[in-house]
Amino acid sequence: MDKRTLKIGKKYKHFKGNEYLVLYLAKHSETEEDLVVYKALYGEFGIWVRPLAMFLGTTEVHGKQINRFEEAED
């Protein structure tokens, strides 16, 4: 299985369809867990954080495992 890597400054598409720009990779101050800092490219352009493992992980849709985020075409 290929290990996925995060690309800072790249756009990613969420499995539900919206696009986001990855801004930074940060560390949680208590646990030192890697966190992805990303910006919505729609609506109010909110800033979000999510654990790296979850960002690059999979989710189940209609009984099938798919990537939660995929790198988007520029």
Protein backbone atom coordinates (compact mmCIF):
# COMPACT_ATOMS: atom_id res chain seq x y z
CA MET A 1 0.00 0.00 0.00
CA ASP A 2 1.34 3.44 -0.95
CA LYS A 3 1.98 5.84 1.90
CA ARG A 4 0.33 9.17 1.18
CA THR A 5 2.14 12.42 1.94
CA LEU A 6 0.77 15.90 2.51
CA LYS A 7 1.75 18.69 0.11
CA ILE A 8 1.82 22.15 1.69
CA GLY A 9 0.44 24.88 -0.58
CA LYS A 10 -1.62 22.43 -2.65
CA LYS A 11 -5.38 22.23 -3.13
CA TYR A 12 -7.23 19.16 -1.90
CA LYS A 13 -10.79 18.06 -2.63
CA HIS A 14 -12.87 16.61 0.20
CA PHE A 15 -14.88 13.49 -0.63
CA LYS A 16 -18.07 15.58 -0.29
CA GLY A 17 -16.86 17.90 -3.08
CA ASN A 18 -15.49 21.11 -1.55
CA GLU A 19 -11.92 22.27 -2.14
CA TYR A 20 -9.37 23.40 0.44
CA LEU A 21 -5.87 24.87 0.40
CA VAL A 22 -3.35 23.27 2.77
CA LEU A 23 -1.52 26.06 4.59
CA TYR A 24 0.66 24.43 7.24
CA LEU A 25 1.55 21.30 9.14
CA ALA A 26 1.38 22.10 12.87
CA LYS A 27 1.99 20.24 16.13
CA HIS A 28 -0.55 19.89 18.93
CA SER A 29 0.99 21.60 21.97
CA GLU A 30 0.03 18.84 24.43
CA THR A 31 0.25 15.61 22.42
CA GLU A 32 2.67 16.65 19.64
CA GLU A 33 0.22 15.09 17.16
CA ASP A 34 0.66 16.41 13.59
CA LEU A 35 -2.24 18.66 12.53
CA VAL A 36 -3.10 19.98 9.07
CA VAL A 37 -4.07 23.66 8.91
CA TYR A 38 -6.19 24.31 5.84
CA LYS A 39 -8.44 26.98 4.33
CA ALA A 40 -11.81 26.49 2.69
CA LEU A 41 -11.90 27.76 -0.90
CA TYR A 42 -15.63 28.52 -0.73
CA GLY A 43 -18.12 30.43 1.42
CA GLU A 44 -16.46 32.40 4.21
CA PHE A 45 -13.02 30.85 3.50
CA GLY A 46 -12.74 29.50 7.04
CA ILE A 47 -9.52 28.14 8.53
CA TRP A 48 -9.68 24.55 9.81
CA VAL A 49 -7.43 22.02 11.52
CA ARG A 50 -7.59 18.24 11.40
CA PRO A 51 -5.20 15.50 12.52
CA LEU A 52 -2.82 14.54 9.70
CA ALA A 53 -3.73 10.85 9.99
CA MET A 54 -7.41 11.72 9.52
CA PHE A 55 -6.74 14.17 6.66
CA LEU A 56 -4.76 11.54 4.73
CA GLY A 57 -6.96 8.69 5.90
CA THR A 58 -10.00 7.00 4.44
CA THR A 59 -13.70 7.05 5.14
CA GLU A 60 -16.48 4.69 4.16
CA VAL A 61 -19.01 5.79 1.55
CA HIS A 62 -21.69 3.35 0.37
CA GLY A 63 -19.70 0.45 1.82
CA LYS A 64 -16.47 1.40 0.04
CA GLN A 65 -13.31 2.88 1.59
CA ILE A 66 -12.22 6.10 -0.16
CA ASN A 67 -9.68 8.81 0.62
CA ARG A 68 -11.14 11.60 2.76
CA PHE A 69 -9.13 14.18 0.76
CA GLU A 70 -7.51 13.89 -2.68
CA GLU A 71 -5.04 16.32 -4.20
CA ALA A 72 -7.02 18.53 -6.62
CA GLU A 73 -6.08 19.48 -10.15
CA ASP A 74 -4.72 23.03 -10.41
